[in-house]
């Protein structure tokens, strides 16, 4: 069947869908890199919940998707930005997600790390922000999961310069039971995080970030950098203390950053590995053999799709991620918590389908084709 896809100029163009998927099978964990996929949540489409209501989650489908990622050897980064944390998923929902996913990880032997933030408050004094972080850190540690200290909107609003960050993070790292991952999420992902680490100047902010790490290197497993700036990430990882890893969160340059150079490489903690999971896993297994060229040959062609999904406004990339999960058959509907399925235009969604289909990402291309046709028809596009 030839689909008629809308373009961004208001026209329609013919597209002939792929007939065969890539042959990608589950496999064992990796040996050369530590790789996490941040994972989306599946909404309950039958819940009577509006954009301002608490998130209604389909727990069975949500956990099934995590088992899919684990089956391919990927770790799961839970309750992160990709799970619509702070964009439809509140702290109560995130806490339940952490409990359920950590228990599931233990049951199936999957690797998991969970986000720790302050989203139970919107603003507050530094002691209040510390207590909010502590509450979430305690829950994650009790679940048996590794902790990811996420950037805090409340801290960005309340800290008057670098000292506030040094105080709050220093306190948290001193009391953390196990080494944590520090997450620097740039304002392209969340505008409320502008000026994080006490300065809008990224060079100055980097020095504060490195000061936090240098003061507690034994409590920092690694850092996740989500600034979409490959050069800055490389420079930063070269300055990390021995034993502190860099996990790339750069959804624009991940192949080259994971491949690395003669002076080092990045591990990965990426939202784009939600839709790319099986293909990304296959590429990393090739890299495990020392075949960097083969790794790049598999992963480089995915960058066009990733850049499309994460184009500005970048924070709405989750819409494309969930669309692709629906088209791939990982869930039965294209509904998101907070109604975020409306955050991207039809031409954007159509292009995401076309790029993903061209890569062979859909296990059942015919199902993806039929579902895309349903979406197009719903929007009034004649087929």
Protein backbone atom coordinates (compact mmCIF):
# COMPACT_ATOMS: atom_id res chain seq x y z
CA UNK A 1 0.00 0.00 0.00
CA UNK A 2 1.24 3.48 -0.86
CA UNK A 3 0.58 6.04 1.86
CA UNK A 4 -0.03 9.71 1.21
CA UNK A 5 1.99 11.61 3.80
CA UNK A 6 1.64 15.33 4.53
CA UNK A 7 4.72 17.51 4.31
CA UNK A 8 5.50 20.71 6.19
CA UNK A 9 4.52 22.82 3.18
CA UNK A 10 0.89 21.67 3.24
CA UNK A 11 1.17 19.19 0.40
CA UNK A 12 0.91 15.41 0.14
CA UNK A 13 3.51 12.99 -1.17
CA UNK A 14 3.44 9.29 -1.89
CA UNK A 15 5.43 6.94 0.32
CA UNK A 16 5.90 3.22 -0.26
CA UNK A 17 6.40 1.51 3.13
CA UNK A 18 9.11 -1.02 3.74
CA UNK A 19 8.00 -4.64 3.62
CA UNK A 20 10.66 -6.32 5.83
CA UNK A 21 12.05 -5.25 9.21
CA UNK A 22 15.64 -5.51 10.30
CA UNK A 23 16.42 -8.92 11.78
CA UNK A 24 17.18 -7.94 15.38
CA UNK A 25 17.06 -10.47 18.19
CA UNK A 26 17.42 -10.19 21.98
CA UNK A 27 20.92 -10.57 23.35
CA UNK A 28 23.18 -10.42 26.36
CA UNK A 29 24.39 -7.27 28.18
CA UNK A 30 27.35 -5.39 26.77
CA UNK A 31 31.01 -5.61 27.71
CA UNK A 32 32.56 -2.40 26.37
CA UNK A 33 29.95 0.20 27.32
CA UNK A 34 27.25 0.70 29.96
CA UNK A 35 24.08 1.62 28.09
CA UNK A 36 20.77 2.80 29.52
CA UNK A 37 17.63 3.63 27.60
CA UNK A 38 15.41 6.22 29.23
CA UNK A 39 11.92 4.75 28.86
CA UNK A 40 8.49 6.29 28.22
CA UNK A 41 5.32 5.52 30.17
CA UNK A 42 2.20 4.11 28.54
CA UNK A 43 -0.97 6.03 29.39
CA UNK A 44 -4.27 4.36 30.26
CA UNK A 45 -6.42 5.43 27.28
CA UNK A 46 -9.68 4.60 29.07
CA UNK A 47 -9.03 6.77 32.11
CA UNK A 48 -11.17 9.88 32.55
CA UNK A 49 -8.10 12.10 32.95
CA UNK A 50 -7.48 15.57 31.54
CA UNK A 51 -4.19 17.42 30.98
CA UNK A 52 -4.15 18.68 34.57
CA UNK A 53 -5.19 15.39 36.18
CA UNK A 54 -2.77 13.00 37.88
CA UNK A 55 -1.24 10.65 35.34
CA UNK A 56 -3.26 7.52 34.57
CA UNK A 57 -0.71 4.84 33.64
CA UNK A 58 -1.25 1.46 32.01
CA UNK A 59 1.12 -0.42 34.28
CA UNK A 60 1.05 -3.71 32.39
CA UNK A 61 2.03 -2.11 29.08
CA UNK A 62 4.57 0.17 30.77
CA UNK A 63 6.37 -2.73 32.44
CA UNK A 64 6.15 -4.86 29.29
CA UNK A 65 8.07 -2.18 27.42
CA UNK A 66 10.81 -2.25 30.04
CA UNK A 67 11.05 -6.04 29.68
CA UNK A 68 11.48 -5.45 25.95
CA UNK A 69 14.47 -3.17 26.59
CA UNK A 70 16.02 -5.54 29.13
CA UNK A 71 15.64 -8.46 26.72
CA UNK A 72 18.01 -6.70 24.33
CA UNK A 73 20.63 -6.14 27.03
CA UNK A 74 19.87 -2.47 27.65
CA UNK A 75 19.57 -0.95 31.10
CA UNK A 76 16.48 1.12 31.90
CA UNK A 77 16.76 4.71 33.12
CA UNK A 78 13.47 5.08 34.94
CA UNK A 79 11.30 8.05 35.86
CA UNK A 80 13.40 10.43 33.77
CA UNK A 81 12.51 13.15 31.30
CA UNK A 82 11.48 10.55 28.70
CA UNK A 83 8.83 9.26 31.13
CA UNK A 84 7.30 12.77 31.03
CA UNK A 85 8.64 13.61 34.46
CA UNK A 86 7.31 17.10 35.13
CA UNK A 87 5.37 17.05 31.83
CA UNK A 88 2.38 14.92 32.80
CA UNK A 89 3.90 12.54 35.35
CA UNK A 90 3.92 13.98 38.87
CA UNK A 91 5.94 12.76 41.85
CA UNK A 92 3.20 10.40 43.06
CA UNK A 93 3.11 8.73 39.66
CA UNK A 94 6.90 8.68 39.41
CA UNK A 95 7.20 7.09 42.86
CA UNK A 96 4.83 4.29 41.87
CA UNK A 97 6.71 3.86 38.58
CA UNK A 98 10.01 3.53 40.45
CA UNK A 99 8.60 0.95 42.87
CA UNK A 100 7.06 -1.18 40.13
CA UNK A 101 9.97 -0.97 37.70
CA UNK A 102 12.60 -1.68 40.35
CA UNK A 103 10.66 -4.76 41.47
CA UNK A 104 10.34 -5.89 37.84
CA UNK A 105 14.07 -5.35 37.26
CA UNK A 106 14.84 -7.53 40.27
CA UNK A 107 12.47 -10.23 39.01
CA UNK A 108 13.98 -10.45 35.52
CA UNK A 109 17.59 -9.50 36.28
CA UNK A 110 17.46 -6.17 34.45
CA UNK A 111 19.71 -3.21 35.14
CA UNK A 112 17.92 -0.07 36.35
CA UNK A 113 18.70 3.44 37.53
CA UNK A 114 15.97 5.82 38.70
CA UNK A 115 15.57 9.57 38.68
CA UNK A 116 15.72 11.55 41.92
CA UNK A 117 14.36 15.09 41.79
CA UNK A 118 12.33 17.64 43.71
CA UNK A 119 9.07 17.65 41.76
CA UNK A 120 6.91 17.22 44.87
CA UNK A 121 7.53 20.95 45.37
CA UNK A 122 7.52 23.80 42.85
CA UNK A 123 9.69 26.21 44.84
CA UNK A 124 11.23 26.49 48.27
CA UNK A 125 14.22 27.36 50.41
CA UNK A 126 17.43 25.38 50.10
CA UNK A 127 16.58 23.26 53.16
CA UNK A 128 13.17 22.47 51.67
CA UNK A 129 14.76 21.53 48.35
CA UNK A 130 17.25 19.30 50.19
CA UNK A 131 14.43 17.53 52.01
CA UNK A 132 12.56 16.96 48.74
CA UNK A 133 15.67 15.42 47.18
CA UNK A 134 16.20 13.31 50.32
CA UNK A 135 12.68 11.91 50.21
CA UNK A 136 13.11 10.77 46.63
CA UNK A 137 16.65 9.47 47.18
CA UNK A 138 15.42 7.35 50.10
CA UNK A 139 12.68 5.79 47.96
CA UNK A 140 15.08 4.96 45.11
CA UNK A 141 17.65 3.47 47.48
CA UNK A 142 14.98 1.42 49.28
CA UNK A 143 13.86 0.06 45.89
CA UNK A 144 17.35 -1.33 45.29
CA UNK A 145 17.97 0.91 42.28
CA UNK A 146 20.91 3.09 41.38
CA UNK A 147 20.07 6.78 41.79
CA UNK A 148 20.27 9.50 39.15
CA UNK A 149 20.29 12.97 40.73
CA UNK A 150 18.23 14.98 38.26
CA UNK A 151 18.37 18.73 37.76
CA UNK A 152 15.81 20.54 39.93
CA UNK A 153 13.53 23.31 38.70
CA UNK A 154 13.07 24.44 42.30
CA UNK A 155 16.83 24.67 42.82
CA UNK A 156 17.27 26.57 39.56
CA UNK A 157 14.69 29.08 40.78
CA UNK A 158 16.02 29.40 44.33
CA UNK A 159 19.79 29.06 44.25
CA UNK A 160 21.52 32.44 44.25
CA UNK A 161 24.67 31.47 42.46
CA UNK A 162 27.00 28.45 42.62
CA UNK A 163 27.03 28.25 46.42
CA UNK A 164 23.46 26.93 46.57
CA UNK A 165 24.30 24.09 44.18
CA UNK A 166 27.49 23.21 46.03
CA UNK A 167 25.60 23.10 49.31
CA UNK A 168 22.64 20.99 48.14
CA UNK A 169 24.59 18.52 46.02
CA UNK A 170 27.36 18.22 48.59
CA UNK A 171 24.79 17.35 51.26
CA UNK A 172 23.13 14.73 49.04
CA UNK A 173 26.37 13.10 47.95
CA UNK A 174 27.61 12.82 51.53
CA UNK A 175 24.52 10.90 52.55
CA UNK A 176 24.03 8.75 49.42
CA UNK A 177 24.47 5.09 50.27
CA UNK A 178 25.97 4.24 46.86
CA UNK A 179 27.59 6.26 44.05
CA UNK A 180 25.03 8.16 41.98
CA UNK A 181 24.79 9.53 38.45
CA UNK A 182 24.62 13.33 38.23
CA UNK A 183 22.41 14.63 35.43
CA UNK A 184 22.98 17.98 33.74
CA UNK A 185 19.88 18.59 31.64
CA UNK A 186 20.14 21.62 29.38
CA UNK A 187 17.43 24.28 28.92
CA UNK A 188 16.61 22.97 25.44
CA UNK A 189 15.03 20.01 27.26
CA UNK A 190 13.53 22.14 30.05
CA UNK A 191 13.56 25.96 29.84
CA UNK A 192 13.14 26.18 33.62
CA UNK A 193 16.71 24.88 33.98
CA UNK A 194 18.35 27.89 32.33
CA UNK A 195 21.43 28.95 34.30
CA UNK A 196 21.85 25.64 36.12
CA UNK A 197 24.94 25.35 38.34
CA UNK A 198 24.62 29.05 39.01
CA UNK A 199 25.44 30.62 35.65
CA UNK A 200 24.07 30.96 32.12
CA UNK A 201 27.71 30.91 30.98
CA UNK A 202 28.32 27.23 30.24
CA UNK A 203 32.05 27.51 30.89
CA UNK A 204 31.39 28.89 34.38
CA UNK A 205 28.65 26.32 34.99
CA UNK A 206 31.03 23.51 33.96
CA UNK A 207 33.55 24.58 36.60
CA UNK A 208 30.90 24.41 39.33
CA UNK A 209 29.76 21.01 38.09
CA UNK A 210 33.34 19.73 38.18
CA UNK A 211 33.81 21.20 41.68
CA UNK A 212 30.82 19.15 42.91
CA UNK A 213 32.33 15.99 41.44
CA UNK A 214 35.88 16.69 42.65
CA UNK A 215 34.67 17.13 46.23
CA UNK A 216 32.98 13.69 46.26
CA UNK A 217 34.50 11.48 43.51
CA UNK A 218 33.81 8.31 45.50
CA UNK A 219 30.08 9.10 45.50
CA UNK A 220 29.76 9.82 41.76
CA UNK A 221 29.38 6.78 39.50
CA UNK A 222 29.13 9.08 36.51
CA UNK A 223 27.58 12.09 34.87
CA UNK A 224 24.88 12.29 32.23
CA UNK A 225 25.34 15.29 29.97
CA UNK A 226 22.34 16.48 27.94
CA UNK A 227 23.54 19.70 26.32
CA UNK A 228 23.54 18.64 22.63
CA UNK A 229 27.13 19.89 22.36
CA UNK A 230 29.59 17.12 21.46
CA UNK A 231 32.69 19.26 21.86
CA UNK A 232 31.69 20.39 25.34
CA UNK A 233 30.93 16.81 26.39
CA UNK A 234 34.30 15.56 25.16
CA UNK A 235 36.14 18.35 26.96
CA UNK A 236 34.18 17.64 30.14
CA UNK A 237 34.72 13.88 30.14
CA UNK A 238 38.47 14.39 29.73
CA UNK A 239 38.48 16.32 33.00
CA UNK A 240 36.59 13.77 35.08
CA UNK A 241 38.37 12.07 37.99
CA UNK A 242 39.48 8.49 37.43
CA UNK A 243 36.58 6.10 37.86
CA UNK A 244 33.84 8.65 37.09
CA UNK A 245 32.07 7.81 33.85
CA UNK A 246 30.49 10.07 31.28
CA UNK A 247 27.07 8.91 30.05
CA UNK A 248 26.14 10.75 26.91
CA UNK A 249 22.67 12.22 26.80
CA UNK A 250 23.39 13.89 23.45
CA UNK A 251 20.68 12.74 21.06
CA UNK A 252 22.38 14.56 18.16
CA UNK A 253 25.93 13.14 18.33
CA UNK A 254 25.69 9.83 20.20
CA UNK A 255 27.44 7.53 17.66
CA UNK A 256 30.70 9.48 17.70
CA UNK A 257 30.57 10.06 21.46
CA UNK A 258 29.98 6.39 22.29
CA UNK A 259 32.62 5.28 19.78
CA UNK A 260 35.08 7.68 21.37
CA UNK A 261 38.68 8.39 20.45
CA UNK A 262 42.17 7.56 21.63
CA UNK A 263 41.56 9.58 24.82
CA UNK A 264 38.30 8.00 25.91
CA UNK A 265 34.62 7.48 25.18
CA UNK A 266 31.15 8.05 26.59
CA UNK A 267 28.79 5.44 27.91
CA UNK A 268 25.14 6.13 27.14
CA UNK A 269 21.90 7.13 28.84
CA UNK A 270 19.66 8.21 26.00
CA UNK A 271 15.99 8.89 25.34
CA UNK A 272 16.38 8.04 21.68
CA UNK A 273 17.33 4.48 22.64
CA UNK A 274 13.66 4.01 23.58
CA UNK A 275 12.62 3.66 19.89
CA UNK A 276 16.09 2.53 18.76
CA UNK A 277 16.55 -0.09 21.49
CA UNK A 278 17.09 -3.31 19.48
CA UNK A 279 19.14 -1.60 16.76
CA UNK A 280 21.23 0.31 19.31
CA UNK A 281 21.85 -2.91 21.22
CA UNK A 282 23.01 -4.69 18.06
CA UNK A 283 25.38 -1.81 17.31
CA UNK A 284 26.93 -1.87 20.79
CA UNK A 285 27.45 -5.62 20.56
CA UNK A 286 29.37 -5.01 17.35
CA UNK A 287 31.43 -2.39 19.20
CA UNK A 288 32.11 -4.98 21.92
CA UNK A 289 34.06 -6.96 19.30
CA UNK A 290 36.29 -3.94 18.61
CA UNK A 291 34.60 -3.17 15.30
CA UNK A 292 34.12 0.59 15.60
CA UNK A 293 33.45 0.99 11.87
CA UNK A 294 30.70 -1.63 12.02
CA UNK A 295 29.19 0.11 15.04
CA UNK A 296 29.11 3.42 13.19
CA UNK A 297 27.71 1.78 10.07
CA UNK A 298 24.71 0.57 12.08
CA UNK A 299 24.15 3.62 14.27
CA UNK A 300 25.06 6.60 12.08
CA UNK A 301 21.96 6.24 9.85
CA UNK A 302 19.72 6.62 12.93
CA UNK A 303 20.90 10.16 13.66
CA UNK A 304 18.55 11.75 11.11
CA UNK A 305 15.56 10.22 12.91
CA UNK A 306 16.90 11.28 16.30
CA UNK A 307 17.52 14.86 15.20
CA UNK A 308 14.00 14.95 13.82
CA UNK A 309 12.44 13.66 17.05
CA UNK A 310 14.48 16.06 19.17
CA UNK A 311 14.11 19.17 17.00
CA UNK A 312 13.02 22.35 18.76
CA UNK A 313 11.03 22.59 20.93
CA UNK A 314 13.17 19.66 22.09
CA UNK A 315 11.12 18.94 25.22
CA UNK A 316 8.32 17.57 23.02
CA UNK A 317 10.44 14.71 21.68
CA UNK A 318 8.39 12.33 23.85
CA UNK A 319 5.48 12.63 21.41
CA UNK A 320 7.47 11.09 18.59
CA UNK A 321 8.87 8.42 20.91
CA UNK A 322 5.38 7.28 21.92
CA UNK A 323 4.13 7.42 18.32
CA UNK A 324 6.90 5.02 17.31
CA UNK A 325 6.15 2.71 20.25
CA UNK A 326 2.52 2.51 19.07
CA UNK A 327 3.49 1.92 15.45
CA UNK A 328 5.96 -0.78 16.57
CA UNK A 329 3.21 -2.62 18.45
CA UNK A 330 4.51 -1.98 21.98
CA UNK A 331 1.19 -0.41 22.97
CA UNK A 332 -2.33 -0.46 21.60
CA UNK A 333 -2.92 3.28 21.23
CA UNK A 334 -1.34 6.70 20.65
CA UNK A 335 -2.38 8.40 23.88
CA UNK A 336 -0.05 10.13 26.35
CA UNK A 337 -0.36 11.32 29.91
CA UNK A 338 -1.15 15.00 29.97
CA UNK A 339 -2.55 14.82 26.43
CA UNK A 340 0.97 15.31 25.04
CA UNK A 341 0.14 13.38 21.86
CA UNK A 342 -1.02 16.75 20.52
CA UNK A 343 2.38 18.40 21.01
CA UNK A 344 3.72 17.66 17.52
CA UNK A 345 2.19 18.39 14.12
CA UNK A 346 0.97 15.74 11.71
CA UNK A 347 3.78 16.47 9.21
CA UNK A 348 6.29 15.96 12.04
CA UNK A 349 4.72 12.63 12.99
CA UNK A 350 4.54 11.52 9.37
CA UNK A 351 8.24 12.21 8.87
CA UNK A 352 9.07 10.30 12.06
CA UNK A 353 7.16 7.31 10.70
CA UNK A 354 8.92 7.54 7.33
CA UNK A 355 12.40 7.71 8.86
CA UNK A 356 11.75 4.89 11.33
CA UNK A 357 10.24 2.71 8.63
CA UNK A 358 13.20 3.33 6.37
CA UNK A 359 15.52 2.10 9.14
CA UNK A 360 13.51 -1.11 9.53
CA UNK A 361 12.62 -0.35 13.16
CA UNK A 362 9.09 -1.76 13.04
CA UNK A 363 8.95 -5.50 13.84
CA UNK A 364 5.73 -5.72 11.81
CA UNK A 365 5.88 -3.14 8.99
CA UNK A 366 2.33 -3.99 7.90
CA UNK A 367 0.97 -3.19 11.37
CA UNK A 368 2.88 0.10 11.41
CA UNK A 369 1.53 0.93 7.96
CA UNK A 370 -2.07 0.21 8.97
CA UNK A 371 -1.76 2.24 12.17
CA UNK A 372 -0.20 5.15 10.33
CA UNK A 373 -3.05 5.02 7.83
CA UNK A 374 -5.53 5.15 10.72
CA UNK A 375 -3.82 8.23 12.13
CA UNK A 376 -3.76 9.95 8.74
CA UNK A 377 -7.43 9.20 8.20
CA UNK A 378 -8.28 10.57 11.64
CA UNK A 379 -6.61 13.83 10.64
CA UNK A 380 -8.58 13.94 7.40
CA UNK A 381 -5.78 12.96 5.02
CA UNK A 382 -7.32 11.03 2.08
CA UNK A 383 -5.69 7.66 1.33
